[in-house]
Amino acid sequence: MARRPANPSTPQGGGEELVLTPGGWRPKSRVHKVEPGQHVEVRDGRLKVIESATGKIVVDLGVVGKEVAKTARGGGPMQKAKCPKSKK
């Protein structure tokens, strides 16, 4: 389990505020809300929020790294990562 920074508003090594996401603490500038009826996908090497019903681009979040672009399925929503089951 990820540990909470001592002070999320002033993380070590920088002054950017952190926010807690399902994937742990992330810089606030790299966290975006995806509304119901929207999904995220990589199109043309760029990360975009798409309105699922119409295919309309809601927001273009910018260029993705080459590794993400290689593994992302173009033209479809990104899938949630499967987490291993915890042992009880």
PDB file of N, CA and C in Angstrom:
ATOM      1  N   MET A   1       0.839  -1.171   0.000  1.00  0.00           N
ATOM      2  CA  MET A   1       0.000   0.000   0.000  1.00  0.00           C
ATOM      3  C   MET A   1       0.890   1.243   0.000  1.00  0.00           C
ATOM      4  N   ALA A   2       0.521   2.227  -0.827  1.00  0.00           N
ATOM      5  CA  ALA A   2       1.309   3.453  -0.915  1.00  0.00           C
ATOM      6  C   ALA A   2       1.170   4.258   0.369  1.00  0.00           C
ATOM      7  N   ARG A   3       2.258   4.855   0.747  1.00  0.00           N
ATOM      8  CA  ARG A   3       2.230   5.698   1.937  1.00  0.00           C
ATOM      9  C   ARG A   3       1.863   7.119   1.571  1.00  0.00           C
ATOM     10  N   ARG A   4       1.129   7.746   2.444  1.00  0.00           N
ATOM     11  CA  ARG A   4       0.745   9.134   2.239  1.00  0.00           C
ATOM     12  C   ARG A   4       1.969  10.014   2.529  1.00  0.00           C
ATOM     13  N   PRO A   5       2.255  10.986   1.651  1.00  0.00           N
ATOM     14  CA  PRO A   5       3.348  11.903   1.932  1.00  0.00           C
ATOM     15  C   PRO A   5       3.091  12.631   3.244  1.00  0.00           C
ATOM     16  N   ALA A   6       4.155  13.023   3.928  1.00  0.00           N
ATOM     17  CA  ALA A   6       4.018  13.733   5.200  1.00  0.00           C
ATOM     18  C   ALA A   6       3.150  14.969   5.038  1.00  0.00           C
ATOM     19  N   ASN A   7       3.348  15.704   3.957  1.00  0.00           N
ATOM     20  CA  ASN A   7       2.560  16.906   3.683  1.00  0.00           C
ATOM     21  C   ASN A   7       2.250  16.931   2.192  1.00  0.00           C
ATOM     22  N   PRO A   8       1.067  16.481   1.765  1.00  0.00           N
ATOM     23  CA  PRO A   8       0.753  16.385   0.338  1.00  0.00           C
ATOM     24  C   PRO A   8       0.854  17.698  -0.430  1.00  0.00           C
ATOM     25  N   SER A   9       0.742  18.828   0.246  1.00  0.00           N
ATOM     26  CA  SER A   9       0.806  20.095  -0.478  1.00  0.00           C
ATOM     27  C   SER A   9       2.243  20.499  -0.799  1.00  0.00           C
ATOM     28  N   THR A  10       3.214  19.878  -0.162  1.00  0.00           N
ATOM     29  CA  THR A  10       4.618  20.185  -0.461  1.00  0.00           C
ATOM     30  C   THR A  10       5.416  18.891  -0.512  1.00  0.00           C
ATOM     31  N   PRO A  11       5.268  18.104  -1.597  1.00  0.00           N
ATOM     32  CA  PRO A  11       5.968  16.823  -1.692  1.00  0.00           C
ATOM     33  C   PRO A  11       7.481  17.005  -1.750  1.00  0.00           C
ATOM     34  N   GLN A  12       8.167  15.939  -1.384  1.00  0.00           N
ATOM     35  CA  GLN A  12       9.627  15.967  -1.464  1.00  0.00           C
ATOM     36  C   GLN A  12      10.067  16.237  -2.884  1.00  0.00           C
ATOM     37  N   GLY A  13      11.063  17.078  -3.046  1.00  0.00           N
ATOM     38  CA  GLY A  13      11.635  17.324  -4.357  1.00  0.00           C
ATOM     39  C   GLY A  13      10.835  18.257  -5.241  1.00  0.00           C
ATOM     40  N   GLY A  14       9.810  18.900  -4.723  1.00  0.00           N
ATOM     41  CA  GLY A  14       9.034  19.814  -5.554  1.00  0.00           C
ATOM     42  C   GLY A  14       7.941  20.479  -4.751  1.00  0.00           C
ATOM     43  N   GLY A  15       7.311  21.481  -5.343  1.00  0.00           N
ATOM     44  CA  GLY A  15       6.306  22.221  -4.623  1.00  0.00           C
ATOM     45  C   GLY A  15       4.902  21.967  -5.118  1.00  0.00           C
ATOM     46  N   GLU A  16       4.704  21.003  -6.035  1.00  0.00           N
ATOM     47  CA  GLU A  16       3.374  20.781  -6.584  1.00  0.00           C
ATOM     48  C   GLU A  16       2.510  19.976  -5.620  1.00  0.00           C
ATOM     49  N   GLU A  17       1.253  20.364  -5.516  1.00  0.00           N
ATOM     50  CA  GLU A  17       0.306  19.671  -4.651  1.00  0.00           C
ATOM     51  C   GLU A  17       0.024  18.271  -5.187  1.00  0.00           C
ATOM     52  N   LEU A  18      -0.107  17.307  -4.270  1.00  0.00           N
ATOM     53  CA  LEU A  18      -0.435  15.934  -4.640  1.00  0.00           C
ATOM     54  C   LEU A  18      -1.880  15.654  -4.282  1.00  0.00           C
ATOM     55  N   VAL A  19      -2.515  14.768  -5.066  1.00  0.00           N
ATOM     56  CA  VAL A  19      -3.867  14.315  -4.767  1.00  0.00           C
ATOM     57  C   VAL A  19      -3.871  12.791  -4.746  1.00  0.00           C
ATOM     58  N   LEU A  20      -4.756  12.234  -3.932  1.00  0.00           N
ATOM     59  CA  LEU A  20      -4.840  10.783  -3.809  1.00  0.00           C
ATOM     60  C   LEU A  20      -5.754  10.226  -4.893  1.00  0.00           C
ATOM     61  N   THR A  21      -5.245   9.268  -5.653  1.00  0.00           N
ATOM     62  CA  THR A  21      -6.001   8.605  -6.712  1.00  0.00           C
ATOM     63  C   THR A  21      -6.046   7.111  -6.388  1.00  0.00           C
ATOM     64  N   PRO A  22      -6.842   6.336  -7.104  1.00  0.00           N
ATOM     65  CA  PRO A  22      -6.830   4.881  -6.883  1.00  0.00           C
ATOM     66  C   PRO A  22      -5.431   4.277  -7.099  1.00  0.00           C
ATOM     67  N   GLY A  23      -4.590   4.941  -7.863  1.00  0.00           N
ATOM     68  CA  GLY A  23      -3.237   4.458  -8.107  1.00  0.00           C
ATOM     69  C   GLY A  23      -2.199   5.050  -7.169  1.00  0.00           C
ATOM     70  N   GLY A  24      -2.646   5.790  -6.169  1.00  0.00           N
ATOM     71  CA  GLY A  24      -1.721   6.395  -5.209  1.00  0.00           C
ATOM     72  C   GLY A  24      -1.652   7.909  -5.383  1.00  0.00           C
ATOM     73  N   TRP A  25      -0.710   8.541  -4.702  1.00  0.00           N
ATOM     74  CA  TRP A  25      -0.547   9.991  -4.745  1.00  0.00           C
ATOM     75  C   TRP A  25       0.064  10.404  -6.075  1.00  0.00           C
ATOM     76  N   ARG A  26      -0.547  11.411  -6.710  1.00  0.00           N
ATOM     77  CA  ARG A  26      -0.086  11.911  -8.008  1.00  0.00           C
ATOM     78  C   ARG A  26      -0.083  13.437  -7.998  1.00  0.00           C
ATOM     79  N   PRO A  27       0.771  14.065  -8.826  1.00  0.00           N
ATOM     80  CA  PRO A  27       0.733  15.526  -8.938  1.00  0.00           C
ATOM     81  C   PRO A  27      -0.641  15.969  -9.448  1.00  0.00           C
ATOM     82  N   LYS A  28      -1.193  17.001  -8.844  1.00  0.00           N
ATOM     83  CA  LYS A  28      -2.535  17.484  -9.182  1.00  0.00           C
ATOM     84  C   LYS A  28      -2.680  17.801 -10.669  1.00  0.00           C
ATOM     85  N   SER A  29      -1.616  18.305 -11.290  1.00  0.00           N
ATOM     86  CA  SER A  29      -1.680  18.676 -12.706  1.00  0.00           C
ATOM     87  C   SER A  29      -1.806  17.465 -13.634  1.00  0.00           C
ATOM     88  N   ARG A  30      -1.576  16.264 -13.112  1.00  0.00           N
ATOM     89  CA  ARG A  30      -1.635  15.059 -13.936  1.00  0.00           C
ATOM     90  C   ARG A  30      -2.867  14.204 -13.639  1.00  0.00           C
ATOM     91  N   VAL A  31      -3.823  14.769 -12.895  1.00  0.00           N
ATOM     92  CA  VAL A  31      -5.035  14.045 -12.549  1.00  0.00           C
ATOM     93  C   VAL A  31      -6.214  14.757 -13.206  1.00  0.00           C
ATOM     94  N   HIS A  32      -7.039  14.006 -13.913  1.00  0.00           N
ATOM     95  CA  HIS A  32      -8.175  14.571 -14.643  1.00  0.00           C
ATOM     96  C   HIS A  32      -9.415  13.743 -14.361  1.00  0.00           C
ATOM     97  N   LYS A  33     -10.534  14.418 -14.161  1.00  0.00           N
ATOM     98  CA  LYS A  33     -11.788  13.722 -13.893  1.00  0.00           C
ATOM     99  C   LYS A  33     -12.407  13.247 -15.203  1.00  0.00           C
ATOM    100  N   VAL A  34     -12.832  11.995 -15.206  1.00  0.00           N
ATOM    101  CA  VAL A  34     -13.538  11.426 -16.353  1.00  0.00           C
ATOM    102  C   VAL A  34     -14.969  11.197 -15.888  1.00  0.00           C
ATOM    103  N   GLU A  35     -15.893  11.901 -16.514  1.00  0.00           N
ATOM    104  CA  GLU A  35     -17.302  11.860 -16.129  1.00  0.00           C
ATOM    105  C   GLU A  35     -17.956  10.561 -16.609  1.00  0.00           C
ATOM    106  N   PRO A  36     -19.083  10.192 -15.976  1.00  0.00           N
ATOM    107  CA  PRO A  36     -19.838   9.040 -16.477  1.00  0.00           C
ATOM    108  C   PRO A  36     -20.202   9.272 -17.947  1.00  0.00           C
ATOM    109  N   GLY A  37     -20.098   8.223 -18.756  1.00  0.00           N
ATOM    110  CA  GLY A  37     -20.389   8.356 -20.184  1.00  0.00           C
ATOM    111  C   GLY A  37     -19.187   8.790 -21.001  1.00  0.00           C
ATOM    112  N   GLN A  38     -18.034   8.898 -20.355  1.00  0.00           N
ATOM    113  CA  GLN A  38     -16.789   9.242 -21.044  1.00  0.00           C
ATOM    114  C   GLN A  38     -15.785   8.123 -20.816  1.00  0.00           C
ATOM    115  N   HIS A  39     -14.792   8.046 -21.686  1.00  0.00           N
ATOM    116  CA  HIS A  39     -13.695   7.116 -21.502  1.00  0.00           C
ATOM    117  C   HIS A  39     -12.407   7.781 -21.989  1.00  0.00           C
ATOM    118  N   VAL A  40     -11.288   7.156 -21.666  1.00  0.00           N
ATOM    119  CA  VAL A  40      -9.970   7.668 -22.050  1.00  0.00           C
ATOM    120  C   VAL A  40      -9.370   6.720 -23.069  1.00  0.00           C
ATOM    121  N   GLU A  41      -8.790   7.280 -24.120  1.00  0.00           N
ATOM    122  CA  GLU A  41      -8.107   6.434 -25.101  1.00  0.00           C
ATOM    123  C   GLU A  41      -6.950   7.200 -25.730  1.00  0.00           C
ATOM    124  N   VAL A  42      -6.074   6.425 -26.365  1.00  0.00           N
ATOM    125  CA  VAL A  42      -4.967   7.010 -27.115  1.00  0.00           C
ATOM    126  C   VAL A  42      -5.382   7.045 -28.578  1.00  0.00           C
ATOM    127  N   ARG A  43      -5.366   8.240 -29.154  1.00  0.00           N
ATOM    128  CA  ARG A  43      -5.655   8.429 -30.583  1.00  0.00           C
ATOM    129  C   ARG A  43      -4.525   9.257 -31.163  1.00  0.00           C
ATOM    130  N   ASP A  44      -3.953   8.750 -32.227  1.00  0.00           N
ATOM    131  CA  ASP A  44      -2.884   9.485 -32.924  1.00  0.00           C
ATOM    132  C   ASP A  44      -1.750   9.879 -31.977  1.00  0.00           C
ATOM    133  N   GLY A  45      -1.421   8.975 -31.029  1.00  0.00           N
ATOM    134  CA  GLY A  45      -0.315   9.230 -30.113  1.00  0.00           C
ATOM    135  C   GLY A  45      -0.613  10.249 -29.028  1.00  0.00           C
ATOM    136  N   ARG A  46      -1.887  10.584 -28.845  1.00  0.00           N
ATOM    137  CA  ARG A  46      -2.287  11.564 -27.841  1.00  0.00           C
ATOM    138  C   ARG A  46      -3.345  10.955 -26.925  1.00  0.00           C
ATOM    139  N   LEU A  47      -3.306  11.300 -25.652  1.00  0.00           N
ATOM    140  CA  LEU A  47      -4.272  10.822 -24.678  1.00  0.00           C
ATOM    141  C   LEU A  47      -5.475  11.755 -24.697  1.00  0.00           C
ATOM    142  N   LYS A  48      -6.676  11.172 -24.906  1.00  0.00           N
ATOM    143  CA  LYS A  48      -7.875  11.998 -25.053  1.00  0.00           C
ATOM    144  C   LYS A  48      -9.023  11.431 -24.227  1.00  0.00           C
ATOM    145  N   VAL A  49      -9.854  12.338 -23.711  1.00  0.00           N
ATOM    146  CA  VAL A  49     -11.095  11.956 -23.059  1.00  0.00           C
ATOM    147  C   VAL A  49     -12.174  12.032 -24.137  1.00  0.00           C
ATOM    148  N   ILE A  50     -12.929  10.942 -24.297  1.00  0.00           N
ATOM    149  CA  ILE A  50     -13.899  10.803 -25.376  1.00  0.00           C
ATOM    150  C   ILE A  50     -15.303  10.630 -24.811  1.00  0.00           C
ATOM    151  N   GLU A  51     -16.285  11.284 -25.426  1.00  0.00           N
ATOM    152  CA  GLU A  51     -17.686  11.050 -25.078  1.00  0.00           C
ATOM    153  C   GLU A  51     -18.060   9.711 -25.727  1.00  0.00           C
ATOM    154  N   SER A  52     -18.361   8.729 -24.899  1.00  0.00           N
ATOM    155  CA  SER A  52     -18.562   7.361 -25.393  1.00  0.00           C
ATOM    156  C   SER A  52     -19.699   7.236 -26.404  1.00  0.00           C
ATOM    157  N   ALA A  53     -20.809   7.916 -26.191  1.00  0.00           N
ATOM    158  CA  ALA A  53     -21.973   7.779 -27.069  1.00  0.00           C
ATOM    159  C   ALA A  53     -21.741   8.351 -28.458  1.00  0.00           C
ATOM    160  N   THR A  54     -20.957   9.431 -28.548  1.00  0.00           N
ATOM    161  CA  THR A  54     -20.797  10.126 -29.832  1.00  0.00           C
ATOM    162  C   THR A  54     -19.404  10.006 -30.440  1.00  0.00           C
ATOM    163  N   GLY A  55     -18.418   9.654 -29.621  1.00  0.00           N
ATOM    164  CA  GLY A  55     -17.043   9.608 -30.107  1.00  0.00           C
ATOM    165  C   GLY A  55     -16.389  10.983 -30.140  1.00  0.00           C
ATOM    166  N   LYS A  56     -17.100  12.003 -29.671  1.00  0.00           N
ATOM    167  CA  LYS A  56     -16.577  13.375 -29.660  1.00  0.00           C
ATOM    168  C   LYS A  56     -15.443  13.500 -28.646  1.00  0.00           C
ATOM    169  N   ILE A  57     -14.379  14.202 -29.038  1.00  0.00           N
ATOM    170  CA  ILE A  57     -13.258  14.442 -28.136  1.00  0.00           C
ATOM    171  C   ILE A  57     -13.665  15.542 -27.157  1.00  0.00           C
ATOM    172  N   VAL A  58     -13.643  15.215 -25.862  1.00  0.00           N
ATOM    173  CA  VAL A  58     -14.000  16.170 -24.822  1.00  0.00           C
ATOM    174  C   VAL A  58     -12.792  17.028 -24.483  1.00  0.00           C
ATOM    175  N   VAL A  59     -11.639  16.371 -24.315  1.00  0.00           N
ATOM    176  CA  VAL A  59     -10.400  17.091 -24.006  1.00  0.00           C
ATOM    177  C   VAL A  59      -9.212  16.279 -24.509  1.00  0.00           C
ATOM    178  N   ASP A  60      -8.229  16.981 -25.038  1.00  0.00           N
ATOM    179  CA  ASP A  60      -6.969  16.376 -25.479  1.00  0.00           C
ATOM    180  C   ASP A  60      -5.961  16.634 -24.367  1.00  0.00           C
ATOM    181  N   LEU A  61      -5.470  15.560 -23.739  1.00  0.00           N
ATOM    182  CA  LEU A  61      -4.566  15.691 -22.609  1.00  0.00           C
ATOM    183  C   LEU A  61      -3.098  15.725 -23.022  1.00  0.00           C
ATOM    184  N   GLY A  62      -2.816  15.591 -24.304  1.00  0.00           N
ATOM    185  CA  GLY A  62      -1.448  15.726 -24.779  1.00  0.00           C
ATOM    186  C   GLY A  62      -0.820  14.430 -25.253  1.00  0.00           C
ATOM    187  N   VAL A  63       0.418  14.547 -25.665  1.00  0.00           N
ATOM    188  CA  VAL A  63       1.184  13.434 -26.218  1.00  0.00           C
ATOM    189  C   VAL A  63       1.488  12.413 -25.126  1.00  0.00           C
ATOM    190  N   VAL A  64       1.385  11.135 -25.488  1.00  0.00           N
ATOM    191  CA  VAL A  64       1.759  10.066 -24.563  1.00  0.00           C
ATOM    192  C   VAL A  64       3.152   9.572 -24.914  1.00  0.00           C
ATOM    193  N   GLY A  65       3.803   8.949 -23.944  1.00  0.00           N
ATOM    194  CA  GLY A  65       5.127   8.399 -24.184  1.00  0.00           C
ATOM    195  C   GLY A  65       5.078   7.258 -25.187  1.00  0.00           C
ATOM    196  N   LYS A  66       6.205   6.952 -25.794  1.00  0.00           N
ATOM    197  CA  LYS A  66       6.267   5.899 -26.810  1.00  0.00           C
ATOM    198  C   LYS A  66       5.847   4.543 -26.266  1.00  0.00           C
ATOM    199  N   GLU A  67       6.202   4.249 -25.016  1.00  0.00           N
ATOM    200  CA  GLU A  67       5.839   2.959 -24.427  1.00  0.00           C
ATOM    201  C   GLU A  67       4.323   2.833 -24.289  1.00  0.00           C
ATOM    202  N   VAL A  68       3.659   3.898 -23.874  1.00  0.00           N
ATOM    203  CA  VAL A  68       2.199   3.870 -23.745  1.00  0.00           C
ATOM    204  C   VAL A  68       1.566   3.740 -25.123  1.00  0.00           C
ATOM    205  N   ALA A  69       2.062   4.497 -26.076  1.00  0.00           N
ATOM    206  CA  ALA A  69       1.506   4.473 -27.427  1.00  0.00           C
ATOM    207  C   ALA A  69       1.626   3.080 -28.047  1.00  0.00           C
ATOM    208  N   LYS A  70       2.723   2.362 -27.753  1.00  0.00           N
ATOM    209  CA  LYS A  70       2.919   1.023 -28.312  1.00  0.00           C
ATOM    210  C   LYS A  70       1.938   0.019 -27.720  1.00  0.00           C
ATOM    211  N   THR A  71       1.625   0.151 -26.436  1.00  0.00           N
ATOM    212  CA  THR A  71       0.790  -0.847 -25.775  1.00  0.00           C
ATOM    213  C   THR A  71      -0.693  -0.506 -25.801  1.00  0.00           C
ATOM    214  N   ALA A  72      -1.042   0.756 -26.020  1.00  0.00           N
ATOM    215  CA  ALA A  72      -2.454   1.161 -26.034  1.00  0.00           C
ATOM    216  C   ALA A  72      -3.105   0.727 -27.338  1.00  0.00           C
ATOM    217  N   ARG A  73      -4.339   0.268 -27.224  1.00  0.00           N
ATOM    218  CA  ARG A  73      -5.098  -0.083 -28.422  1.00  0.00           C
ATOM    219  C   ARG A  73      -5.658   1.213 -28.992  1.00  0.00           C
ATOM    220  N   GLY A  74      -5.313   1.528 -30.197  1.00  0.00           N
ATOM    221  CA  GLY A  74      -5.848   2.732 -30.810  1.00  0.00           C
ATOM    222  C   GLY A  74      -7.324   2.581 -31.124  1.00  0.00           C
ATOM    223  N   GLY A  75      -8.080   3.661 -30.971  1.00  0.00           N
ATOM    224  CA  GLY A  75      -9.482   3.661 -31.342  1.00  0.00           C
ATOM    225  C   GLY A  75     -10.415   2.987 -30.365  1.00  0.00           C
ATOM    226  N   GLY A  76      -9.964   2.722 -29.168  1.00  0.00           N
ATOM    227  CA  GLY A  76     -10.841   2.111 -28.176  1.00  0.00           C
ATOM    228  C   GLY A  76     -10.487   2.570 -26.787  1.00  0.00           C
ATOM    229  N   PRO A  77     -11.403   2.387 -25.844  1.00  0.00           N
ATOM    230  CA  PRO A  77     -11.124   2.826 -24.481  1.00  0.00           C
ATOM    231  C   PRO A  77      -9.990   2.040 -23.854  1.00  0.00           C
ATOM    232  N   MET A  78      -9.249   2.707 -22.989  1.00  0.00           N
ATOM    233  CA  MET A  78      -8.196   2.023 -22.249  1.00  0.00           C
ATOM    234  C   MET A  78      -8.873   1.144 -21.203  1.00  0.00           C
ATOM    235  N   GLN A  79      -8.275   0.011 -20.906  1.00  0.00           N
ATOM    236  CA  GLN A  79      -8.845  -0.924 -19.953  1.00  0.00           C
ATOM    237  C   GLN A  79      -8.246  -0.712 -18.582  1.00  0.00           C
ATOM    238  N   LYS A  80      -9.048  -0.980 -17.545  1.00  0.00           N
ATOM    239  CA  LYS A  80      -8.542  -0.920 -16.184  1.00  0.00           C
ATOM    240  C   LYS A  80      -7.528  -2.044 -16.008  1.00  0.00           C
ATOM    241  N   ALA A  81      -6.505  -1.765 -15.235  1.00  0.00           N
ATOM    242  CA  ALA A  81      -5.520  -2.797 -14.940  1.00  0.00           C
ATOM    243  C   ALA A  81      -6.147  -3.804 -13.987  1.00  0.00           C
ATOM    244  N   LYS A  82      -5.821  -5.067 -14.180  1.00  0.00           N
ATOM    245  CA  LYS A  82      -6.321  -6.090 -13.286  1.00  0.00           C
ATOM    246  C   LYS A  82      -5.362  -6.219 -12.116  1.00  0.00           C
ATOM    247  N   CYS A  83      -5.875  -6.094 -10.926  1.00  0.00           N
ATOM    248  CA  CYS A  83      -5.059  -6.206  -9.721  1.00  0.00           C
ATOM    249  C   CYS A  83      -5.046  -7.647  -9.258  1.00  0.00           C
ATOM    250  N   PRO A  84      -3.902  -8.130  -8.803  1.00  0.00           N
ATOM    251  CA  PRO A  84      -3.863  -9.504  -8.283  1.00  0.00           C
ATOM    252  C   PRO A  84      -4.724  -9.598  -7.038  1.00  0.00           C
ATOM    253  N   LYS A  85      -5.355 -10.767  -6.848  1.00  0.00           N
ATOM    254  CA  LYS A  85      -6.168 -10.965  -5.658  1.00  0.00           C
ATOM    255  C   LYS A  85      -5.264 -11.034  -4.447  1.00  0.00           C
ATOM    256  N   SER A  86      -5.704 -10.383  -3.377  1.00  0.00           N
ATOM    257  CA  SER A  86      -4.897 -10.414  -2.145  1.00  0.00           C
ATOM    258  C   SER A  86      -5.107 -11.738  -1.434  1.00  0.00           C
ATOM    259  N   LYS A  87      -4.051 -12.181  -0.786  1.00  0.00           N
ATOM    260  CA  LYS A  87      -4.136 -13.424  -0.028  1.00  0.00           C
ATOM    261  C   LYS A  87      -4.608 -13.094   1.380  1.00  0.00           C
ATOM    262  N   LYS A  88      -5.566 -13.843   1.855  1.00  0.00           N
ATOM    263  CA  LYS A  88      -6.116 -13.582   3.208  1.00  0.00           C
ATOM    264  C   LYS A  88      -5.539 -14.522   4.194  1.00  0.00           C
TER     265      LYS A  88
END
